[in-house]
Amino acid sequence: MFRGVFIVNLDVKGRLAVPAKYRERLQSSCNSQLVVTVDRDRCLLLYPEPEWELIEAKLSALPAFDNTARAIQRLYIGNAQEVEMDAQGRILLPQYLRDFASLEKRVAFVGQGSKFELWDEPAWNARNEAALGDADIGELATAAGLGSLTL
C-alpha cells in the first residue's frame, strides 16, 4: 500500500524522483515498470504496471457501443504511457501529461493505496483546503457508505 504525501521537484527535462521510501518496493513488485495516465481531477495517476493491467482489463471490457464507456476508455487508456524508473529512481513524464496536470516545479506525490496521484503542489494544497472546509463532508461520507467509519 502506498500512502502519504511527498513533495518532489520536477527537473527541467521533466523527470521526477520517486520518493526513496517506495523505490525498492517498486523495483521488486514491477521491475520499475510503471504506467502514468490522466485523471478527471486534472492530476496524473501513476500505477505499478501489474496494477494498471488490472484496471486496463476492466476498462477494456466495458461495452463498445456505450458512449460513456468509450469516453472513459479514451480518457484513461488513450492517455496511458509506460514509464520506467531509472537507476536514480526517476521517471520521465511526457510533456503533454505534465501540461494536462499543470505540473511545474514542485509536485505532490500522493500515495493512494495501489497507485499514486501526482499533483501540482498549489493545486494539491487548494484541493486539501477545499475538502477541509467542506461543510457537507459528513453528508458525502454517509452517501459513500462511510457513515459508520471511525477515524
Protein backbone atom coordinates (compact mmCIF):
# COMPACT_ATOMS: atom_id res chain seq x y z
CA MET A 1 0.00 0.00 0.00
CA PHE A 2 1.23 3.43 -0.90
CA ARG A 3 0.32 6.23 1.47
CA GLY A 4 1.46 9.68 2.43
CA VAL A 5 2.33 12.90 0.63
CA PHE A 6 5.81 13.75 -0.55
CA ILE A 7 6.73 16.99 -2.29
CA VAL A 8 9.31 16.37 -5.00
CA ASN A 9 10.90 18.55 -7.65
CA LEU A 10 10.38 18.16 -11.36
CA ASP A 11 13.62 18.83 -13.22
CA VAL A 12 13.93 20.80 -16.47
CA LYS A 13 13.82 17.58 -18.52
CA GLY A 14 10.51 16.54 -16.94
CA ARG A 15 11.98 13.91 -14.64
CA LEU A 16 10.51 13.28 -11.23
CA ALA A 17 12.24 11.41 -8.42
CA VAL A 18 10.08 8.68 -6.91
CA PRO A 19 10.26 9.04 -3.11
CA ALA A 20 13.01 6.78 -1.76
CA LYS A 21 10.52 5.07 0.54
CA TYR A 22 8.84 3.43 -2.48
CA ARG A 23 11.72 2.73 -4.85
CA GLU A 24 12.73 -0.71 -3.60
CA ARG A 25 9.13 -1.88 -3.43
CA LEU A 26 8.51 -0.72 -6.99
CA GLN A 27 11.71 -2.35 -8.22
CA SER A 28 10.73 -5.69 -6.73
CA SER A 29 6.98 -5.62 -7.46
CA CYS A 30 7.01 -4.35 -11.04
CA ASN A 31 10.66 -4.30 -12.09
CA SER A 32 10.47 -0.46 -12.13
CA GLN A 33 7.80 -0.56 -14.88
CA LEU A 34 5.04 2.00 -14.26
CA VAL A 35 2.11 3.45 -16.17
CA VAL A 36 1.02 7.08 -15.91
CA THR A 37 -2.30 8.43 -17.16
CA VAL A 38 -4.62 11.38 -16.67
CA ASP A 39 -7.40 11.76 -14.13
CA ARG A 40 -10.53 13.84 -14.43
CA ASP A 41 -9.41 15.88 -11.40
CA ARG A 42 -6.54 17.27 -13.53
CA CYS A 43 -3.86 15.28 -11.78
CA LEU A 44 -1.92 12.28 -13.04
CA LEU A 45 -2.32 8.69 -11.86
CA LEU A 46 0.81 6.56 -11.55
CA TYR A 47 0.40 2.78 -11.31
CA PRO A 48 2.83 -0.10 -10.96
CA GLU A 49 2.37 -1.86 -14.31
CA PRO A 50 0.70 -5.02 -12.87
CA GLU A 51 -1.88 -2.84 -11.06
CA TRP A 52 -2.53 -0.85 -14.23
CA GLU A 53 -3.08 -4.03 -16.23
CA LEU A 54 -5.95 -4.96 -13.89
CA ILE A 55 -7.55 -1.53 -14.37
CA GLU A 56 -6.97 -1.60 -18.12
CA ALA A 57 -8.60 -5.02 -18.43
CA LYS A 58 -11.71 -3.76 -16.62
CA LEU A 59 -11.86 -0.63 -18.76
CA SER A 60 -11.35 -2.62 -21.95
CA ALA A 61 -14.24 -4.93 -21.02
CA LEU A 62 -16.74 -2.05 -20.94
CA PRO A 63 -19.41 -2.15 -23.69
CA ALA A 64 -18.02 -0.87 -27.00
CA PHE A 65 -21.31 0.74 -28.03
CA ASP A 66 -21.79 2.70 -24.80
CA ASN A 67 -20.72 6.32 -25.36
CA THR A 68 -19.84 6.91 -21.72
CA ALA A 69 -17.73 3.75 -21.59
CA ARG A 70 -15.91 4.81 -24.76
CA ALA A 71 -15.22 8.26 -23.30
CA ILE A 72 -13.76 6.69 -20.16
CA GLN A 73 -11.61 4.33 -22.23
CA ARG A 74 -10.31 7.20 -24.33
CA LEU A 75 -9.51 9.28 -21.27
CA TYR A 76 -7.70 6.66 -19.20
CA ILE A 77 -6.36 4.11 -21.69
CA GLY A 78 -5.83 6.58 -24.51
CA ASN A 79 -3.62 8.80 -22.36
CA ALA A 80 -1.74 6.00 -20.59
CA GLN A 81 2.03 5.96 -21.08
CA GLU A 82 4.55 3.41 -19.90
CA VAL A 83 7.40 4.91 -17.90
CA GLU A 84 10.39 3.23 -16.32
CA MET A 85 12.10 4.21 -13.10
CA ASP A 86 15.80 4.74 -13.86
CA ALA A 87 18.78 3.77 -11.67
CA GLN A 88 18.44 7.07 -9.75
CA GLY A 89 14.76 6.38 -9.03
CA ARG A 90 13.44 8.95 -11.53
CA ILE A 91 10.66 8.73 -14.07
CA LEU A 92 10.32 10.89 -17.17
CA LEU A 93 6.83 12.34 -17.52
CA PRO A 94 5.78 13.11 -21.11
CA GLN A 95 5.30 16.82 -21.79
CA TYR A 96 1.62 16.53 -22.72
CA LEU A 97 0.88 14.81 -19.39
CA ARG A 98 2.80 17.48 -17.47
CA ASP A 99 0.79 20.11 -19.34
CA PHE A 100 -2.51 18.32 -18.63
CA ALA A 101 -1.88 18.38 -14.87
CA SER A 102 -0.14 21.79 -14.92
CA LEU A 103 2.93 20.26 -13.30
CA GLU A 104 5.59 22.91 -12.91
CA LYS A 105 8.43 22.65 -10.40
CA ARG A 106 7.04 21.20 -7.18
CA VAL A 107 4.88 18.11 -7.39
CA ALA A 108 2.84 16.43 -4.65
CA PHE A 109 3.42 12.67 -4.88
CA VAL A 110 0.34 11.28 -3.11
CA GLY A 111 0.02 7.62 -2.11
CA GLN A 112 -3.45 6.22 -2.79
CA GLY A 113 -3.21 2.56 -1.86
CA SER A 114 -2.29 0.71 -5.04
CA LYS A 115 -1.41 3.85 -7.02
CA PHE A 116 -0.12 7.40 -6.71
CA GLU A 117 -1.61 10.72 -7.69
CA LEU A 118 0.72 13.43 -9.00
CA TRP A 119 -0.48 16.98 -8.35
CA ASP A 120 0.94 20.42 -8.92
CA GLU A 121 1.72 21.44 -5.31
CA PRO A 122 -0.51 24.57 -5.25
CA ALA A 123 -3.40 22.59 -6.77
CA TRP A 124 -2.93 19.85 -4.16
CA ASN A 125 -2.93 22.40 -1.34
CA ALA A 126 -6.06 24.07 -2.71
CA ARG A 127 -7.80 20.69 -3.03
CA ASN A 128 -6.98 19.87 0.59
CA GLU A 129 -8.19 23.25 1.84
CA ALA A 130 -11.44 22.86 -0.08
CA ALA A 131 -12.00 19.39 1.38
CA LEU A 132 -11.27 20.58 4.92
CA GLY A 133 -13.66 23.49 4.51
CA ASP A 134 -16.45 21.40 3.01
CA ALA A 135 -19.36 21.67 5.45
CA ASP A 136 -21.07 18.77 3.72
CA ILE A 137 -18.25 16.26 4.21
CA GLY A 138 -20.40 14.33 6.70
CA GLU A 139 -23.13 14.04 4.07
CA LEU A 140 -20.58 12.93 1.50
CA ALA A 141 -19.24 10.26 3.85
CA THR A 142 -22.74 8.97 4.51
CA ALA A 143 -23.59 8.93 0.81
CA ALA A 144 -20.40 6.98 0.12
CA GLY A 145 -21.38 4.38 2.71
CA LEU A 146 -18.80 5.57 5.24
CA GLY A 147 -21.24 6.83 7.86
CA SER A 148 -20.15 4.24 10.44
CA LEU A 149 -16.41 4.61 9.77
CA THR A 150 -14.41 5.84 12.72
CA LEU A 151 -11.07 7.53 12.25
